[in-house]
């Protein structure tokens, strides 16, 4: 078995269903999940919000507006091996940044949780329709009560990330950074 949890962190996005498969083959894992909450699963979940599931290999994970039949977002070729424990987050919005991007990915590098607190380190890669790819390294601290995020803080060094992604800023940043302390 494997364990999967889903947290809806996409403001201005209505409640969603998340499952495996696409189109007519869609099978709900999490149903009617509201923004700012960890999902109550379509099946049974444990006290930490995890759904026990068979391992996943090469499946499409799909999000839809709650009770809709149209796929809103599909992440292809997802793997969740036996004994794995993972949390999936919906981030961003259904409009806005993604509409201006060729690709936006958010990769969680490490996650530590306990006592109602979650700490993540992550890498966000943003490929705009025009211009260079931007890579941001950061961390998130979230406090949860009753499966709901009650406080979240994100930390990243915007100037350093931009300097690493934009060749014209690298030299300026390398010169200024030591002087700024």
C-alpha atoms as a PDB file:
ATOM      1  CA  UNK A   1       0.000   0.000   0.000  1.00  0.00           C
ATOM      2  CA  UNK A   2       0.901   3.682  -0.365  1.00  0.00           C
ATOM      3  CA  UNK A   3      -0.513   6.787   1.314  1.00  0.00           C
ATOM      4  CA  UNK A   4      -1.667   9.941  -0.454  1.00  0.00           C
ATOM      5  CA  UNK A   5      -3.043  13.216   0.901  1.00  0.00           C
ATOM      6  CA  UNK A   6      -4.397  16.170  -1.105  1.00  0.00           C
ATOM      7  CA  UNK A   7      -4.422  19.832   0.018  1.00  0.00           C
ATOM      8  CA  UNK A   8      -6.347  22.477  -1.956  1.00  0.00           C
ATOM      9  CA  UNK A   9      -4.194  25.643  -1.809  1.00  0.00           C
ATOM     10  CA  UNK A  10      -5.421  27.367  -4.967  1.00  0.00           C
ATOM     11  CA  UNK A  11      -7.251  30.586  -4.049  1.00  0.00           C
ATOM     12  CA  UNK A  12     -10.255  31.634  -6.140  1.00  0.00           C
ATOM     13  CA  UNK A  13     -10.601  28.055  -7.389  1.00  0.00           C
ATOM     14  CA  UNK A  14     -13.903  26.371  -6.508  1.00  0.00           C
ATOM     15  CA  UNK A  15     -14.129  22.988  -4.783  1.00  0.00           C
ATOM     16  CA  UNK A  16     -12.429  20.211  -6.737  1.00  0.00           C
ATOM     17  CA  UNK A  17     -12.453  16.451  -7.179  1.00  0.00           C
ATOM     18  CA  UNK A  18      -9.088  14.722  -7.639  1.00  0.00           C
ATOM     19  CA  UNK A  19      -8.657  11.238  -8.979  1.00  0.00           C
ATOM     20  CA  UNK A  20      -6.916   8.960 -11.425  1.00  0.00           C
ATOM     21  CA  UNK A  21      -7.685   8.595 -15.100  1.00  0.00           C
ATOM     22  CA  UNK A  22      -9.192  11.067 -17.530  1.00  0.00           C
ATOM     23  CA  UNK A  23     -12.508  11.589 -19.265  1.00  0.00           C
ATOM     24  CA  UNK A  24     -14.923   8.702 -18.802  1.00  0.00           C
ATOM     25  CA  UNK A  25     -12.234   6.617 -17.028  1.00  0.00           C
ATOM     26  CA  UNK A  26     -11.879   9.183 -14.177  1.00  0.00           C
ATOM     27  CA  UNK A  27     -12.077   7.608 -10.713  1.00  0.00           C
ATOM     28  CA  UNK A  28     -12.325   9.937  -7.679  1.00  0.00           C
ATOM     29  CA  UNK A  29      -9.830   9.613  -4.877  1.00  0.00           C
ATOM     30  CA  UNK A  30     -10.771  12.919  -3.184  1.00  0.00           C
ATOM     31  CA  UNK A  31     -14.199  14.546  -3.524  1.00  0.00           C
ATOM     32  CA  UNK A  32     -15.476  18.132  -3.218  1.00  0.00           C
ATOM     33  CA  UNK A  33     -12.307  19.565  -1.629  1.00  0.00           C
ATOM     34  CA  UNK A  34     -12.586  23.241  -0.633  1.00  0.00           C
ATOM     35  CA  UNK A  35      -9.761  25.804  -0.759  1.00  0.00           C
ATOM     36  CA  UNK A  36      -7.574  25.812   2.353  1.00  0.00           C
ATOM     37  CA  UNK A  37      -8.430  22.272   3.381  1.00  0.00           C
ATOM     38  CA  UNK A  38      -6.896  18.855   3.327  1.00  0.00           C
ATOM     39  CA  UNK A  39      -9.189  16.494   1.480  1.00  0.00           C
ATOM     40  CA  UNK A  40     -11.707  14.224   3.028  1.00  0.00           C
ATOM     41  CA  UNK A  41     -11.320  11.243   0.734  1.00  0.00           C
ATOM     42  CA  UNK A  42     -14.052   9.583  -1.269  1.00  0.00           C
ATOM     43  CA  UNK A  43     -12.940   6.470   0.657  1.00  0.00           C
ATOM     44  CA  UNK A  44     -11.624   6.304   4.203  1.00  0.00           C
ATOM     45  CA  UNK A  45      -8.703   8.401   5.421  1.00  0.00           C
ATOM     46  CA  UNK A  46      -6.554   8.199   8.522  1.00  0.00           C
ATOM     47  CA  UNK A  47      -6.244  10.798  11.303  1.00  0.00           C
ATOM     48  CA  UNK A  48      -3.543  12.668   9.332  1.00  0.00           C
ATOM     49  CA  UNK A  49      -5.666  12.950   6.185  1.00  0.00           C
ATOM     50  CA  UNK A  50      -3.949  10.183   4.195  1.00  0.00           C
ATOM     51  CA  UNK A  51      -5.796   7.794   1.909  1.00  0.00           C
ATOM     52  CA  UNK A  52      -4.347   4.294   1.731  1.00  0.00           C
ATOM     53  CA  UNK A  53      -4.177   3.273  -1.923  1.00  0.00           C
ATOM     54  CA  UNK A  54      -2.582   0.655  -4.088  1.00  0.00           C
ATOM     55  CA  UNK A  55       0.743   1.831  -5.548  1.00  0.00           C
ATOM     56  CA  UNK A  56       0.411   4.012  -8.651  1.00  0.00           C
ATOM     57  CA  UNK A  57       2.608   3.687 -11.715  1.00  0.00           C
ATOM     58  CA  UNK A  58       2.330   5.689 -14.915  1.00  0.00           C
ATOM     59  CA  UNK A  59      -1.182   6.935 -14.166  1.00  0.00           C
ATOM     60  CA  UNK A  60      -2.803  10.271 -14.958  1.00  0.00           C
ATOM     61  CA  UNK A  61      -3.812  12.240 -11.872  1.00  0.00           C
ATOM     62  CA  UNK A  62      -6.632  14.605 -12.763  1.00  0.00           C
ATOM     63  CA  UNK A  63      -8.403  17.512 -11.066  1.00  0.00           C
ATOM     64  CA  UNK A  64     -11.912  18.657 -11.941  1.00  0.00           C
ATOM     65  CA  UNK A  65     -14.314  21.176 -10.543  1.00  0.00           C
ATOM     66  CA  UNK A  66     -16.383  19.283  -7.974  1.00  0.00           C
ATOM     67  CA  UNK A  67     -18.989  17.005  -9.555  1.00  0.00           C
ATOM     68  CA  UNK A  68     -18.007  18.061 -13.096  1.00  0.00           C
ATOM     69  CA  UNK A  69     -17.285  15.695 -15.954  1.00  0.00           C
ATOM     70  CA  UNK A  70     -14.629  17.845 -17.661  1.00  0.00           C
ATOM     71  CA  UNK A  71     -10.954  17.456 -16.757  1.00  0.00           C
ATOM     72  CA  UNK A  72      -9.472  20.805 -15.647  1.00  0.00           C
ATOM     73  CA  UNK A  73      -5.871  19.661 -15.121  1.00  0.00           C
ATOM     74  CA  UNK A  74      -4.107  16.370 -15.780  1.00  0.00           C
ATOM     75  CA  UNK A  75      -0.656  15.442 -14.488  1.00  0.00           C
ATOM     76  CA  UNK A  76       0.569  12.535 -16.638  1.00  0.00           C
ATOM     77  CA  UNK A  77       2.714   9.563 -15.700  1.00  0.00           C
ATOM     78  CA  UNK A  78       2.483   9.838 -11.894  1.00  0.00           C
ATOM     79  CA  UNK A  79       4.150   7.169  -9.764  1.00  0.00           C
ATOM     80  CA  UNK A  80       3.550   6.451  -6.085  1.00  0.00           C
ATOM     81  CA  UNK A  81       5.456   3.290  -5.174  1.00  0.00           C
ATOM     82  CA  UNK A  82       4.587   0.847  -2.407  1.00  0.00           C
ATOM     83  CA  UNK A  83       5.175   2.228   1.105  1.00  0.00           C
ATOM     84  CA  UNK A  84       5.447   5.795  -0.211  1.00  0.00           C
ATOM     85  CA  UNK A  85       3.754   8.627   1.678  1.00  0.00           C
ATOM     86  CA  UNK A  86       2.993  11.749  -0.384  1.00  0.00           C
ATOM     87  CA  UNK A  87       1.016  14.967  -0.206  1.00  0.00           C
ATOM     88  CA  UNK A  88      -0.245  16.602  -3.386  1.00  0.00           C
ATOM     89  CA  UNK A  89      -0.959  20.340  -3.378  1.00  0.00           C
ATOM     90  CA  UNK A  90      -3.109  22.359  -5.774  1.00  0.00           C
ATOM     91  CA  UNK A  91      -1.414  25.766  -6.053  1.00  0.00           C
ATOM     92  CA  UNK A  92      -1.793  28.859  -8.186  1.00  0.00           C
ATOM     93  CA  UNK A  93      -5.168  29.700  -9.655  1.00  0.00           C
ATOM     94  CA  UNK A  94      -7.437  28.563 -12.418  1.00  0.00           C
ATOM     95  CA  UNK A  95      -6.609  31.813 -14.226  1.00  0.00           C
ATOM     96  CA  UNK A  96      -3.693  34.225 -14.100  1.00  0.00           C
ATOM     97  CA  UNK A  97      -0.112  32.963 -13.931  1.00  0.00           C
ATOM     98  CA  UNK A  98      -0.734  29.661 -15.697  1.00  0.00           C
ATOM     99  CA  UNK A  99      -2.501  31.445 -18.538  1.00  0.00           C
ATOM    100  CA  UNK A 100       0.759  33.365 -19.178  1.00  0.00           C
ATOM    101  CA  UNK A 101       3.028  30.324 -18.884  1.00  0.00           C
ATOM    102  CA  UNK A 102       4.170  27.523 -21.124  1.00  0.00           C
ATOM    103  CA  UNK A 103       4.885  25.546 -17.963  1.00  0.00           C
ATOM    104  CA  UNK A 104       4.762  26.056 -14.230  1.00  0.00           C
ATOM    105  CA  UNK A 105       6.029  23.278 -12.004  1.00  0.00           C
ATOM    106  CA  UNK A 106       6.275  23.115  -8.254  1.00  0.00           C
ATOM    107  CA  UNK A 107       8.456  20.318  -6.946  1.00  0.00           C
ATOM    108  CA  UNK A 108       8.552  19.520  -3.226  1.00  0.00           C
ATOM    109  CA  UNK A 109      12.130  18.538  -2.365  1.00  0.00           C
ATOM    110  CA  UNK A 110      11.538  17.678   1.283  1.00  0.00           C
ATOM    111  CA  UNK A 111       8.571  17.658   3.657  1.00  0.00           C
ATOM    112  CA  UNK A 112       8.603  17.332   7.423  1.00  0.00           C
ATOM    113  CA  UNK A 113       5.451  17.365   9.515  1.00  0.00           C
ATOM    114  CA  UNK A 114       4.180  16.747  12.977  1.00  0.00           C
ATOM    115  CA  UNK A 115       2.264  18.371  15.838  1.00  0.00           C
ATOM    116  CA  UNK A 116       0.009  20.294  13.435  1.00  0.00           C
ATOM    117  CA  UNK A 117       2.906  21.825  11.525  1.00  0.00           C
ATOM    118  CA  UNK A 118       4.271  21.190   8.039  1.00  0.00           C
ATOM    119  CA  UNK A 119       7.598  22.398   6.628  1.00  0.00           C
ATOM    120  CA  UNK A 120       8.439  22.081   2.924  1.00  0.00           C
ATOM    121  CA  UNK A 121      11.435  22.945   0.795  1.00  0.00           C
ATOM    122  CA  UNK A 122      10.586  23.385  -2.851  1.00  0.00           C
ATOM    123  CA  UNK A 123      11.676  24.414  -6.318  1.00  0.00           C
ATOM    124  CA  UNK A 124       9.319  26.331  -8.568  1.00  0.00           C
ATOM    125  CA  UNK A 125      10.122  26.538 -12.293  1.00  0.00           C
ATOM    126  CA  UNK A 126       8.235  29.085 -14.379  1.00  0.00           C
ATOM    127  CA  UNK A 127       8.544  29.101 -18.164  1.00  0.00           C
ATOM    128  CA  UNK A 128       6.733  32.166 -19.534  1.00  0.00           C
ATOM    129  CA  UNK A 129       5.426  32.174 -23.084  1.00  0.00           C
ATOM    130  CA  UNK A 130       8.226  34.634 -23.846  1.00  0.00           C
ATOM    131  CA  UNK A 131      11.512  35.112 -22.055  1.00  0.00           C
ATOM    132  CA  UNK A 132      13.837  32.983 -19.979  1.00  0.00           C
ATOM    133  CA  UNK A 133      12.900  30.190 -17.597  1.00  0.00           C
ATOM    134  CA  UNK A 134      12.867  31.341 -13.964  1.00  0.00           C
ATOM    135  CA  UNK A 135      13.786  28.959 -11.134  1.00  0.00           C
ATOM    136  CA  UNK A 136      12.938  29.775  -7.513  1.00  0.00           C
ATOM    137  CA  UNK A 137      14.113  27.792  -4.477  1.00  0.00           C
ATOM    138  CA  UNK A 138      12.132  28.305  -1.289  1.00  0.00           C
ATOM    139  CA  UNK A 139      10.457  26.922   1.780  1.00  0.00           C
ATOM    140  CA  UNK A 140       6.989  26.919   3.296  1.00  0.00           C
ATOM    141  CA  UNK A 141       5.847  26.612   6.865  1.00  0.00           C
ATOM    142  CA  UNK A 142       2.160  25.793   7.366  1.00  0.00           C
ATOM    143  CA  UNK A 143       0.225  25.331  10.579  1.00  0.00           C
ATOM    144  CA  UNK A 144      -2.843  23.101  10.432  1.00  0.00           C
ATOM    145  CA  UNK A 145      -5.785  22.562  12.760  1.00  0.00           C
ATOM    146  CA  UNK A 146      -8.400  19.934  12.062  1.00  0.00           C
ATOM    147  CA  UNK A 147      -7.057  19.272   8.558  1.00  0.00           C
ATOM    148  CA  UNK A 148      -7.279  22.974   7.615  1.00  0.00           C
ATOM    149  CA  UNK A 149      -4.326  25.280   6.939  1.00  0.00           C
ATOM    150  CA  UNK A 150      -4.704  28.136   9.440  1.00  0.00           C
ATOM    151  CA  UNK A 151      -1.389  29.875   8.732  1.00  0.00           C
ATOM    152  CA  UNK A 152       1.097  29.630   5.889  1.00  0.00           C
ATOM    153  CA  UNK A 153       4.359  31.470   5.302  1.00  0.00           C
ATOM    154  CA  UNK A 154       6.549  31.153   2.212  1.00  0.00           C
ATOM    155  CA  UNK A 155      10.200  32.163   2.106  1.00  0.00           C
ATOM    156  CA  UNK A 156      12.456  32.635  -0.909  1.00  0.00           C
ATOM    157  CA  UNK A 157      15.185  34.960  -2.125  1.00  0.00           C
ATOM    158  CA  UNK A 158      13.576  36.625  -5.128  1.00  0.00           C
ATOM    159  CA  UNK A 159      16.604  38.709  -6.132  1.00  0.00           C
ATOM    160  CA  UNK A 160      18.999  35.767  -6.012  1.00  0.00           C
ATOM    161  CA  UNK A 161      16.591  33.574  -7.990  1.00  0.00           C
ATOM    162  CA  UNK A 162      16.156  36.222 -10.662  1.00  0.00           C
ATOM    163  CA  UNK A 163      19.899  36.828 -10.826  1.00  0.00           C
ATOM    164  CA  UNK A 164      20.551  33.124 -11.380  1.00  0.00           C
ATOM    165  CA  UNK A 165      17.877  32.950 -14.091  1.00  0.00           C
ATOM    166  CA  UNK A 166      18.620  36.189 -15.959  1.00  0.00           C
ATOM    167  CA  UNK A 167      22.172  36.444 -17.336  1.00  0.00           C
ATOM    168  CA  UNK A 168      22.189  40.267 -17.374  1.00  0.00           C
ATOM    169  CA  UNK A 169      21.551  40.394 -13.619  1.00  0.00           C
ATOM    170  CA  UNK A 170      24.194  37.831 -12.607  1.00  0.00           C
ATOM    171  CA  UNK A 171      27.114  40.249 -12.715  1.00  0.00           C
ATOM    172  CA  UNK A 172      25.214  43.081 -11.032  1.00  0.00           C
ATOM    173  CA  UNK A 173      24.000  40.764  -8.276  1.00  0.00           C
ATOM    174  CA  UNK A 174      27.478  39.253  -7.758  1.00  0.00           C
ATOM    175  CA  UNK A 175      28.871  42.773  -7.308  1.00  0.00           C
ATOM    176  CA  UNK A 176      26.096  44.093  -5.036  1.00  0.00           C
ATOM    177  CA  UNK A 177      25.374  41.046  -2.844  1.00  0.00           C
ATOM    178  CA  UNK A 178      28.561  41.239  -0.722  1.00  0.00           C
ATOM    179  CA  UNK A 179      27.951  44.964  -0.116  1.00  0.00           C
ATOM    180  CA  UNK A 180      24.345  44.408   0.964  1.00  0.00           C
ATOM    181  CA  UNK A 181      25.392  41.978   3.667  1.00  0.00           C
END
